[in-house]
N, C-alpha and C. Protein backbone atom coordinates (compact mmCIF):
# COMPACT_ATOMS: atom_id res chain seq x y z
N MET A 1 0.41 -1.39 -0.07
CA MET A 1 -0.02 -0.16 -0.29
C MET A 1 1.15 1.02 0.03
N VAL A 2 1.95 1.33 1.47
CA VAL A 2 2.61 2.22 1.15
C VAL A 2 3.87 2.49 -0.18
N ASN A 3 3.64 1.33 -1.05
CA ASN A 3 5.04 1.96 -1.90
C ASN A 3 4.10 1.77 -3.62
N SER A 4 2.50 1.53 -3.43
CA SER A 4 1.94 2.01 -4.30
C SER A 4 1.41 3.75 -4.14
N HIS A 5 1.85 4.04 -2.85
CA HIS A 5 1.30 5.55 -2.73
C HIS A 5 2.47 6.53 -3.49
N ILE A 6 3.81 5.93 -2.82
CA ILE A 6 4.91 6.27 -3.72
C ILE A 6 4.95 6.47 -4.53
N GLY A 7 4.84 5.53 -5.65
CA GLY A 7 4.78 5.00 -6.63
C GLY A 7 3.56 6.41 -7.73
N LYS A 8 2.71 6.75 -6.79
CA LYS A 8 1.77 7.61 -7.45
C LYS A 8 2.41 9.24 -7.21
N MET A 9 3.04 9.63 -6.28
CA MET A 9 3.45 10.72 -5.94
C MET A 9 4.67 10.63 -7.20
N GLN A 10 5.53 10.09 -7.01
CA GLN A 10 6.65 10.09 -8.12
C GLN A 10 6.39 10.31 -9.45
N HIS A 11 5.21 9.80 -10.16
CA HIS A 11 4.63 9.94 -11.25
C HIS A 11 3.81 11.48 -11.00
N LYS A 12 3.12 11.84 -9.80
CA LYS A 12 2.48 12.86 -10.69
C LYS A 12 4.03 14.13 -10.28
N GLN A 13 4.51 13.87 -9.88
CA GLN A 13 5.87 14.72 -9.81
C GLN A 13 6.46 14.88 -11.03
N ALA A 14 6.97 14.05 -11.37
CA ALA A 14 7.05 13.67 -13.33
C ALA A 14 6.09 14.31 -13.55
N SER A 15 5.25 13.91 -13.88
CA SER A 15 4.23 14.48 -14.71
C SER A 15 4.12 16.31 -14.89
N TYR A 16 3.98 16.74 -13.26
CA TYR A 16 4.69 17.87 -13.23
C TYR A 16 5.76 18.49 -13.65
N LEU A 17 6.77 17.76 -13.86
CA LEU A 17 7.81 18.83 -14.40
C LEU A 17 7.70 18.62 -15.67
N TYR A 18 7.23 17.96 -16.27
CA TYR A 18 6.80 17.28 -17.84
C TYR A 18 6.26 19.00 -18.55
N TYR A 19 5.01 18.86 -17.66
CA TYR A 19 4.24 20.31 -18.58
C TYR A 19 4.63 21.28 -17.85
N GLN A 20 5.62 21.50 -16.86
CA GLN A 20 6.50 22.64 -16.50
C GLN A 20 7.66 23.02 -17.63
N GLU A 21 8.01 21.91 -18.15
CA GLU A 21 9.07 21.84 -19.37
C GLU A 21 8.35 22.50 -20.63
N ILE A 22 7.37 21.80 -20.88
CA ILE A 22 6.55 22.86 -22.02
C ILE A 22 5.71 23.87 -21.73
N ILE A 23 5.72 23.99 -20.81
CA ILE A 23 5.16 25.42 -20.27
C ILE A 23 6.07 26.66 -20.47
N TRP A 24 7.51 26.09 -19.78
CA TRP A 24 8.69 26.62 -20.25
C TRP A 24 9.04 27.23 -22.05
N LEU A 25 8.91 26.30 -22.89
CA LEU A 25 9.12 25.92 -23.63
C LEU A 25 8.39 27.29 -24.64
N ILE A 26 6.80 27.02 -24.53
CA ILE A 26 6.22 27.65 -24.69
C ILE A 26 6.24 29.37 -24.86
N ALA A 27 6.68 29.30 -22.94
CA ALA A 27 6.77 30.70 -23.14
C ALA A 27 8.32 31.32 -24.11
N ASN A 28 9.34 30.47 -23.75
CA ASN A 28 10.22 31.00 -24.76
C ASN A 28 10.08 31.21 -25.57
N GLU A 29 9.28 30.65 -26.62
CA GLU A 29 8.70 31.03 -28.07
C GLU A 29 7.42 31.87 -28.17
N ILE A 30 7.28 32.10 -27.45
CA ILE A 30 6.23 33.84 -27.43
C ILE A 30 7.18 34.60 -27.21
N LEU A 31 8.42 34.83 -25.83
CA LEU A 31 9.20 35.61 -25.76
C LEU A 31 10.49 35.89 -27.58
N TRP A 32 10.55 34.68 -27.86
CA TRP A 32 11.43 34.92 -29.34
C TRP A 32 10.54 35.58 -30.19
N LEU A 33 9.08 34.95 -30.34
CA LEU A 33 8.56 35.55 -30.95
C LEU A 33 7.95 37.40 -31.28
N SER A 34 7.86 37.43 -30.09
CA SER A 34 7.75 38.94 -29.61
C SER A 34 8.67 39.83 -29.37
N LYS A 35 10.09 39.34 -29.46
CA LYS A 35 11.47 39.83 -29.75
C LYS A 35 11.13 39.85 -31.46
N CYS A 36 11.33 39.11 -32.24
CA CYS A 36 11.34 39.46 -33.46
C CYS A 36 10.38 40.34 -34.37
N HIS A 37 9.21 40.36 -33.69
CA HIS A 37 8.31 40.85 -34.35
C HIS A 37 8.63 42.86 -33.96
N HIS A 38 9.52 42.87 -32.95
CA HIS A 38 9.84 44.73 -31.76
C HIS A 38 11.17 44.67 -33.23
């Protein structure tokens, strides 16, 4: 029971980091595009 709980927590953290990376990439893309337009 404890092991499955830890596994769920690790999965949650991994997906959180994955989404954070996607958001970071999108933010960089937006910044880059806005720099090009100016």
